[in-house]
C-alpha atoms as a PDB file:
ATOM      1  CA  MET A   1     108.361 104.610  99.365  1.00  0.00           C
ATOM      2  CA  GLU A   2     109.682 101.744  96.590  1.00  0.00           C
ATOM      3  CA  ARG A   3     114.021 102.793  96.820  1.00  0.00           C
ATOM      4  CA  ASN A   4     114.814 102.059  93.170  1.00  0.00           C
ATOM      5  CA  TYR A   5     118.847 101.978  94.173  1.00  0.00           C
ATOM      6  CA  MET A   6     120.466  99.342  95.897  1.00  0.00           C
ATOM      7  CA  ASN A   7     123.366  99.156  97.779  1.00  0.00           C
ATOM      8  CA  ALA A   8     126.803  98.555  95.659  1.00  0.00           C
ATOM      9  CA  ASP A   9     127.831  94.749  98.215  1.00  0.00           C
ATOM     10  CA  SER A  10     124.400  93.511  97.883  1.00  0.00           C
ATOM     11  CA  LEU A  11     123.517  90.417  95.677  1.00  0.00           C
ATOM     12  CA  VAL A  12     119.364  90.902  96.868  1.00  0.00           C
ATOM     13  CA  GLU A  13     117.451  93.006  98.946  1.00  0.00           C
ATOM     14  CA  LEU A  14     114.364  92.702 100.270  1.00  0.00           C
ATOM     15  CA  GLU A  15     111.040  95.284 101.625  1.00  0.00           C
ATOM     16  CA  PHE A  16     108.258  94.321 101.614  1.00  0.00           C
ATOM     17  CA  LEU A  17     105.166  97.844 100.145  1.00  0.00           C
ATOM     18  CA  SER A  18     101.342  98.037 100.419  1.00  0.00           C
ATOM     19  CA  GLU A  19     100.966 101.297  98.356  1.00  0.00           C
ATOM     20  CA  LYS A  20      98.560 101.418  95.695  1.00  0.00           C
ATOM     21  CA  LYS A  21     100.154 102.675  93.182  1.00  0.00           C
ATOM     22  CA  MET A  22     103.763 103.581  91.667  1.00  0.00           C
ATOM     23  CA  GLY A  23     104.054 105.913  88.520  1.00  0.00           C
ATOM     24  CA  ILE A  24     106.523 104.213  85.614  1.00  0.00           C
ATOM     25  CA  HIS A  25     110.059 103.944  86.520  1.00  0.00           C
ATOM     26  CA  TYR A  26     112.841 101.933  85.102  1.00  0.00           C
ATOM     27  CA  HIS A  27     116.227 100.673  86.862  1.00  0.00           C
ATOM     28  CA  GLU A  28     119.916  99.238  85.807  1.00  0.00           C
ATOM     29  CA  ASN A  29     118.331  95.669  88.805  1.00  0.00           C
ATOM     30  CA  ILE A  30     115.837  93.490  87.793  1.00  0.00           C
ATOM     31  CA  GLU A  31     113.563  93.357  90.069  1.00  0.00           C
ATOM     32  CA  LEU A  32     111.055  90.327  91.392  1.00  0.00           C
ATOM     33  CA  LEU A  33     107.757  91.137  92.550  1.00  0.00           C
ATOM     34  CA  PHE A  34     105.492  88.254  94.557  1.00  0.00           C
ATOM     35  CA  LEU A  35     102.420  88.802  95.631  1.00  0.00           C
ATOM     36  CA  LEU A  36     100.988  88.715  99.248  1.00  0.00           C
ATOM     37  CA  GLY A  37      97.836  89.969  99.714  1.00  0.00           C
ATOM     38  CA  GLY A  38      95.200  91.687  96.891  1.00  0.00           C
ATOM     39  CA  SER A  39      95.492  92.030  93.342  1.00  0.00           C
ATOM     40  CA  MET A  40      97.558  94.544  91.289  1.00  0.00           C
ATOM     41  CA  SER A  41      97.494  95.569  87.560  1.00  0.00           C
ATOM     42  CA  VAL A  42     101.582  95.592  86.696  1.00  0.00           C
ATOM     43  CA  THR A  43     102.723  97.407  83.339  1.00  0.00           C
ATOM     44  CA  VAL A  44     105.649  96.584  81.421  1.00  0.00           C
ATOM     45  CA  GLU A  45     106.616  98.440  78.879  1.00  0.00           C
ATOM     46  CA  GLU A  46     103.881  98.361  76.878  1.00  0.00           C
ATOM     47  CA  ASP A  47     102.286  94.788  78.463  1.00  0.00           C
ATOM     48  CA  GLN A  48      99.553  94.607  80.777  1.00  0.00           C
ATOM     49  CA  PHE A  49      98.936  92.095  83.344  1.00  0.00           C
ATOM     50  CA  GLU A  50      96.648  91.183  86.452  1.00  0.00           C
ATOM     51  CA  LEU A  51      98.254  89.557  89.602  1.00  0.00           C
ATOM     52  CA  ASP A  52      96.501  88.239  92.131  1.00  0.00           C
ATOM     53  CA  SER A  53      97.690  87.089  95.102  1.00  0.00           C
ATOM     54  CA  GLY A  54     100.691  84.254  94.728  1.00  0.00           C
ATOM     55  CA  ASP A  55     101.407  85.664  91.354  1.00  0.00           C
ATOM     56  CA  ILE A  56     105.231  85.558  90.920  1.00  0.00           C
ATOM     57  CA  ILE A  57     106.860  88.277  88.206  1.00  0.00           C
ATOM     58  CA  VAL A  58     110.434  89.108  86.942  1.00  0.00           C
ATOM     59  CA  ILE A  59     110.894  93.071  85.683  1.00  0.00           C
ATOM     60  CA  ASN A  60     114.187  93.038  83.179  1.00  0.00           C
ATOM     61  CA  ALA A  61     116.942  95.079  84.591  1.00  0.00           C
ATOM     62  CA  ASN A  62     116.229  98.622  82.723  1.00  0.00           C
ATOM     63  CA  ARG A  63     112.582  98.295  81.887  1.00  0.00           C
ATOM     64  CA  ASN A  64     110.072 100.340  82.374  1.00  0.00           C
ATOM     65  CA  HIS A  65     106.937  99.712  84.395  1.00  0.00           C
ATOM     66  CA  SER A  66     104.599 101.007  86.993  1.00  0.00           C
ATOM     67  CA  TYR A  67     101.945  99.128  89.103  1.00  0.00           C
ATOM     68  CA  GLU A  68      98.153  99.249  90.813  1.00  0.00           C
ATOM     69  CA  GLY A  69      97.156  97.347  93.553  1.00  0.00           C
ATOM     70  CA  ASP A  70      93.786  97.200  95.108  1.00  0.00           C
ATOM     71  CA  ALA A  71      92.770  98.620  98.940  1.00  0.00           C
ATOM     72  CA  ASN A  72      94.110  95.305 100.160  1.00  0.00           C
ATOM     73  CA  LEU A  73      97.824  95.292  97.948  1.00  0.00           C
ATOM     74  CA  PHE A  74     100.086  93.513  99.788  1.00  0.00           C
ATOM     75  CA  VAL A  75     103.721  92.430  97.978  1.00  0.00           C
ATOM     76  CA  GLY A  76     107.602  91.123  98.498  1.00  0.00           C
ATOM     77  CA  ARG A  77     109.868  93.022  96.398  1.00  0.00           C
ATOM     78  CA  PHE A  78     113.394  91.884  95.671  1.00  0.00           C
ATOM     79  CA  LEU A  79     115.642  93.608  93.825  1.00  0.00           C
ATOM     80  CA  LEU A  80     118.198  91.371  92.041  1.00  0.00           C
ATOM     81  CA  SER A  81     121.544  92.762  91.332  1.00  0.00           C
ATOM     82  CA  TYR A  82     121.795  92.625  87.308  1.00  0.00           C
ATOM     83  CA  SER A  83     125.886  93.637  88.042  1.00  0.00           C
ATOM     84  CA  LYS A  84     126.616  90.323  90.178  1.00  0.00           C
ATOM     85  CA  ILE A  85     124.082  87.903  88.334  1.00  0.00           C
ATOM     86  CA  SER A  86     125.498  88.941  85.267  1.00  0.00           C
ATOM     87  CA  GLU A  87     128.878  88.449  86.640  1.00  0.00           C
ATOM     88  CA  MET A  88     128.080  84.712  87.941  1.00  0.00           C
ATOM     89  CA  LEU A  89     126.953  83.537  84.699  1.00  0.00           C
ATOM     90  CA  GLY A  90     129.306  85.256  82.586  1.00  0.00           C
ATOM     91  CA  SER A  91     126.776  86.719  80.486  1.00  0.00           C
ATOM     92  CA  SER A  92     125.902  90.685  79.652  1.00  0.00           C
ATOM     93  CA  ALA A  93     122.564  89.586  78.679  1.00  0.00           C
ATOM     94  CA  ILE A  94     120.487  88.229  80.872  1.00  0.00           C
ATOM     95  CA  LEU A  95     116.875  88.317  80.118  1.00  0.00           C
ATOM     96  CA  PHE A  96     114.893  86.185  82.625  1.00  0.00           C
ATOM     97  CA  TRP A  97     110.677  85.412  81.859  1.00  0.00           C
ATOM     98  CA  CYS A  98     108.793  84.294  85.044  1.00  0.00           C
ATOM     99  CA  ASN A  99     105.083  85.250  84.719  1.00  0.00           C
ATOM    100  CA  SER A 100     103.101  83.330  86.543  1.00  0.00           C
ATOM    101  CA  ALA A 101     100.006  85.079  86.163  1.00  0.00           C
ATOM    102  CA  LEU A 102     100.616  83.750  81.966  1.00  0.00           C
ATOM    103  CA  ASP A 103     102.200  80.114  82.827  1.00  0.00           C
ATOM    104  CA  HIS A 104     103.079  77.830  85.359  1.00  0.00           C
ATOM    105  CA  ASN A 105     104.960  75.431  85.913  1.00  0.00           C
ATOM    106  CA  LYS A 106     106.564  72.906  89.115  1.00  0.00           C
ATOM    107  CA  ALA A 107     109.850  75.879  88.713  1.00  0.00           C
ATOM    108  CA  TYR A 108     106.862  78.183  89.802  1.00  0.00           C
ATOM    109  CA  ASP A 109     106.276  76.147  92.748  1.00  0.00           C
ATOM    110  CA  GLU A 110     109.954  75.849  93.630  1.00  0.00           C
ATOM    111  CA  LEU A 111     110.198  78.922  93.446  1.00  0.00           C
ATOM    112  CA  LYS A 112     107.176  80.321  95.891  1.00  0.00           C
ATOM    113  CA  ALA A 113     108.799  77.798  98.373  1.00  0.00           C
ATOM    114  CA  VAL A 114     111.779  79.531  98.490  1.00  0.00           C
ATOM    115  CA  ILE A 115     110.279  83.015  98.963  1.00  0.00           C
ATOM    116  CA  SER A 116     108.253  81.576 101.339  1.00  0.00           C
ATOM    117  CA  ARG A 117     110.690  80.514 103.139  1.00  0.00           C
ATOM    118  CA  ILE A 118     112.803  83.787 102.419  1.00  0.00           C
ATOM    119  CA  PHE A 119     109.862  85.714 104.316  1.00  0.00           C
ATOM    120  CA  ASN A 120     110.526  83.536 107.374  1.00  0.00           C
ATOM    121  CA  GLN A 121     113.663  83.935 108.029  1.00  0.00           C
ATOM    122  CA  TYR A 122     114.085  87.787 107.054  1.00  0.00           C
ATOM    123  CA  LEU A 123     110.623  88.485 109.452  1.00  0.00           C
ATOM    124  CA  LYS A 124     112.632  85.419 112.641  1.00  0.00           C
ATOM    125  CA  GLU A 125     114.185  87.277 115.512  1.00  0.00           C
ATOM    126  CA  ASP A 126     117.587  85.800 114.460  1.00  0.00           C
ATOM    127  CA  GLN A 127     118.152  87.087 111.405  1.00  0.00           C
ATOM    128  CA  GLY A 128     120.458  89.619 112.936  1.00  0.00           C
ATOM    129  CA  GLN A 129     122.653  87.052 114.180  1.00  0.00           C
ATOM    130  CA  GLU A 130     125.336  85.960 111.721  1.00  0.00           C
ATOM    131  CA  SER A 131     124.333  82.122 110.994  1.00  0.00           C
ATOM    132  CA  GLY A 132     120.807  83.854 110.487  1.00  0.00           C
ATOM    133  CA  LYS A 133     122.185  86.515 107.773  1.00  0.00           C
ATOM    134  CA  ILE A 134     124.122  83.041 106.261  1.00  0.00           C
ATOM    135  CA  TYR A 135     121.227  81.254 105.397  1.00  0.00           C
ATOM    136  CA  LEU A 136     118.924  84.283 104.573  1.00  0.00           C
ATOM    137  CA  ASN A 137     121.656  84.424 101.873  1.00  0.00           C
ATOM    138  CA  SER A 138     121.858  80.714 101.637  1.00  0.00           C
ATOM    139  CA  LEU A 139     117.552  80.988 100.568  1.00  0.00           C
ATOM    140  CA  TYR A 140     118.496  84.061  97.886  1.00  0.00           C
ATOM    141  CA  TYR A 141     121.074  81.689  96.532  1.00  0.00           C
ATOM    142  CA  GLN A 142     119.237  79.340  96.088  1.00  0.00           C
ATOM    143  CA  MET A 143     116.102  81.706  94.516  1.00  0.00           C
ATOM    144  CA  LEU A 144     118.458  82.148  91.710  1.00  0.00           C
ATOM    145  CA  ALA A 145     119.412  79.224  91.190  1.00  0.00           C
ATOM    146  CA  ILE A 146     115.570  78.083  89.999  1.00  0.00           C
ATOM    147  CA  LEU A 147     115.818  81.474  87.935  1.00  0.00           C
ATOM    148  CA  ALA A 148     118.336  80.807  86.103  1.00  0.00           C
ATOM    149  CA  GLY A 149     118.150  77.344  85.626  1.00  0.00           C
ATOM    150  CA  ASN A 150     113.894  77.598  85.004  1.00  0.00           C
ATOM    151  CA  PHE A 151     113.645  81.134  83.733  1.00  0.00           C
ATOM    152  CA  LEU A 152     117.049  82.198  81.793  1.00  0.00           C
ATOM    153  CA  LEU A 153     116.431  82.875  78.416  1.00  0.00           C
ATOM    154  CA  THR A 154     118.199  81.617  76.171  1.00  0.00           C
ATOM    155  CA  GLU A 155     119.447  82.366  71.990  1.00  0.00           C
ATOM    156  CA  GLN A 156     117.757  78.927  71.050  1.00  0.00           C
ATOM    157  CA  ASP A 157     114.460  80.039  73.682  1.00  0.00           C
ATOM    158  CA  VAL A 158     110.945  80.013  71.190  1.00  0.00           C
ATOM    159  CA  ARG A 159     110.409  83.025  74.028  1.00  0.00           C
ATOM    160  CA  TYR A 160     113.088  85.265  72.967  1.00  0.00           C
ATOM    161  CA  GLU A 161     112.528  84.354  69.442  1.00  0.00           C
ATOM    162  CA  ARG A 162     108.976  86.224  70.019  1.00  0.00           C
ATOM    163  CA  LYS A 163     110.492  89.011  71.604  1.00  0.00           C
ATOM    164  CA  ARG A 164     113.520  89.663  69.271  1.00  0.00           C
ATOM    165  CA  GLY A 165     111.805  92.053  67.862  1.00  0.00           C
ATOM    166  CA  LYS A 166     110.456  94.027  71.034  1.00  0.00           C
ATOM    167  CA  LYS A 167     112.280  94.125  74.832  1.00  0.00           C
ATOM    168  CA  THR A 168     110.581  91.141  76.216  1.00  0.00           C
ATOM    169  CA  THR A 169     109.088  92.311  79.545  1.00  0.00           C
ATOM    170  CA  GLY A 170     108.664  89.172  81.316  1.00  0.00           C
END
């Protein structure tokens, strides 16, 4: 069952999902879905996106969203602390545009490479050791740096302008 909350001291939390369907919900944190297997339809507010294996989507904080997947669905789900990221970036208006089903650039390849390393480290036996935890946290920061450096919307961003009258979903 998907958790919609995070531990208060966490910056990033990871879980793996194979549930075929998740009803409409929202939460105060940012969600990143990395589709490891199968395909899924993700609805964010009124927009619907079709994702295939290898696709990534970021769902911004407080956006109604749901998904439905096929029989082979397997998803890596990251919850990213909105409050901690907001504090780090010095802004209370954090919006990402990251949806590989709609666009693609070199930054997606970088993001996928870091996420793959996160998955590998997360599943390693040494994750319980202090050095393994430190390395995993360093990978989380690398992922966040790629997101902030390549997918964070600013008021000058054309994608932000298009969505100004409408909630940004990607």
